[in-house]
């Protein structure tokens, strides 16, 4: 039981890190009017959502 909670915590931290990084890159891309940064940020958020869906306990 202990390893499962550790794995769940690690996945949750990964999802939050991906989401925060994606939102930061989106905000930077919007501020700089750089579409390529917006695209990278959106893919980061999509990766966070996909990870959450796949590894949901």
C-alpha atoms as a PDB file:
ATOM      1  CA  UNK A   1       0.000   0.000   0.000  1.00  0.00           C
ATOM      2  CA  UNK A   2       2.849   2.364   0.771  1.00  0.00           C
ATOM      3  CA  UNK A   3       4.435   2.125  -2.702  1.00  0.00           C
ATOM      4  CA  UNK A   4       1.104   2.829  -4.387  1.00  0.00           C
ATOM      5  CA  UNK A   5       0.635   6.063  -2.475  1.00  0.00           C
ATOM      6  CA  UNK A   6       4.218   7.059  -3.311  1.00  0.00           C
ATOM      7  CA  UNK A   7       3.585   6.363  -7.004  1.00  0.00           C
ATOM      8  CA  UNK A   8       0.336   8.304  -6.881  1.00  0.00           C
ATOM      9  CA  UNK A   9       2.116  11.230  -5.274  1.00  0.00           C
ATOM     10  CA  UNK A  10       4.850  11.161  -7.930  1.00  0.00           C
ATOM     11  CA  UNK A  11       2.334  11.097 -10.774  1.00  0.00           C
ATOM     12  CA  UNK A  12       0.429  13.988  -9.161  1.00  0.00           C
ATOM     13  CA  UNK A  13       3.654  16.003  -8.890  1.00  0.00           C
ATOM     14  CA  UNK A  14       4.480  15.243 -12.526  1.00  0.00           C
ATOM     15  CA  UNK A  15       1.026  16.348 -13.674  1.00  0.00           C
ATOM     16  CA  UNK A  16       1.242  19.571 -11.673  1.00  0.00           C
ATOM     17  CA  UNK A  17       4.752  20.291 -12.968  1.00  0.00           C
ATOM     18  CA  UNK A  18       3.703  19.721 -16.593  1.00  0.00           C
ATOM     19  CA  UNK A  19       0.610  21.857 -16.166  1.00  0.00           C
ATOM     20  CA  UNK A  20       2.482  24.695 -14.462  1.00  0.00           C
ATOM     21  CA  UNK A  21       5.239  24.654 -17.069  1.00  0.00           C
ATOM     22  CA  UNK A  22       2.685  24.616 -19.882  1.00  0.00           C
ATOM     23  CA  UNK A  23       0.758  27.544 -18.435  1.00  0.00           C
ATOM     24  CA  UNK A  24       3.974  29.504 -17.894  1.00  0.00           C
ATOM     25  CA  UNK A  25       5.034  28.966 -21.508  1.00  0.00           C
ATOM     26  CA  UNK A  26       1.533  29.915 -22.719  1.00  0.00           C
ATOM     27  CA  UNK A  27       1.656  33.163 -20.728  1.00  0.00           C
ATOM     28  CA  UNK A  28       5.133  33.948 -22.041  1.00  0.00           C
ATOM     29  CA  UNK A  29       4.072  33.224 -25.618  1.00  0.00           C
ATOM     30  CA  UNK A  30       1.031  35.457 -25.254  1.00  0.00           C
ATOM     31  CA  UNK A  31       3.129  38.279 -23.818  1.00  0.00           C
ATOM     32  CA  UNK A  32       5.697  38.014 -26.620  1.00  0.00           C
ATOM     33  CA  UNK A  33       3.185  37.303 -29.406  1.00  0.00           C
ATOM     34  CA  UNK A  34       5.087  34.115 -30.215  1.00  0.00           C
ATOM     35  CA  UNK A  35       2.787  31.447 -31.599  1.00  0.00           C
ATOM     36  CA  UNK A  36       5.420  28.749 -31.364  1.00  0.00           C
ATOM     37  CA  UNK A  37       5.630  29.299 -27.594  1.00  0.00           C
ATOM     38  CA  UNK A  38       1.850  29.124 -27.353  1.00  0.00           C
ATOM     39  CA  UNK A  39       1.921  25.831 -29.231  1.00  0.00           C
ATOM     40  CA  UNK A  40       4.570  24.328 -26.956  1.00  0.00           C
ATOM     41  CA  UNK A  41       2.626  25.453 -23.894  1.00  0.00           C
ATOM     42  CA  UNK A  42      -0.608  23.950 -25.178  1.00  0.00           C
ATOM     43  CA  UNK A  43       1.131  20.637 -25.818  1.00  0.00           C
ATOM     44  CA  UNK A  44       2.516  20.747 -22.269  1.00  0.00           C
ATOM     45  CA  UNK A  45      -0.999  21.161 -20.861  1.00  0.00           C
ATOM     46  CA  UNK A  46      -2.281  18.387 -23.140  1.00  0.00           C
ATOM     47  CA  UNK A  47       0.507  16.113 -21.870  1.00  0.00           C
ATOM     48  CA  UNK A  48      -0.470  16.894 -18.271  1.00  0.00           C
ATOM     49  CA  UNK A  49      -4.127  16.085 -18.959  1.00  0.00           C
ATOM     50  CA  UNK A  50      -3.270  12.875 -20.808  1.00  0.00           C
ATOM     51  CA  UNK A  51      -0.985  11.764 -17.991  1.00  0.00           C
ATOM     52  CA  UNK A  52      -3.739  12.433 -15.454  1.00  0.00           C
ATOM     53  CA  UNK A  53      -6.231  10.414 -17.498  1.00  0.00           C
ATOM     54  CA  UNK A  54      -3.913   7.455 -18.050  1.00  0.00           C
ATOM     55  CA  UNK A  55      -2.528   7.184 -14.516  1.00  0.00           C
ATOM     56  CA  UNK A  56      -5.678   7.977 -12.545  1.00  0.00           C
ATOM     57  CA  UNK A  57      -5.738   5.619  -9.536  1.00  0.00           C
END
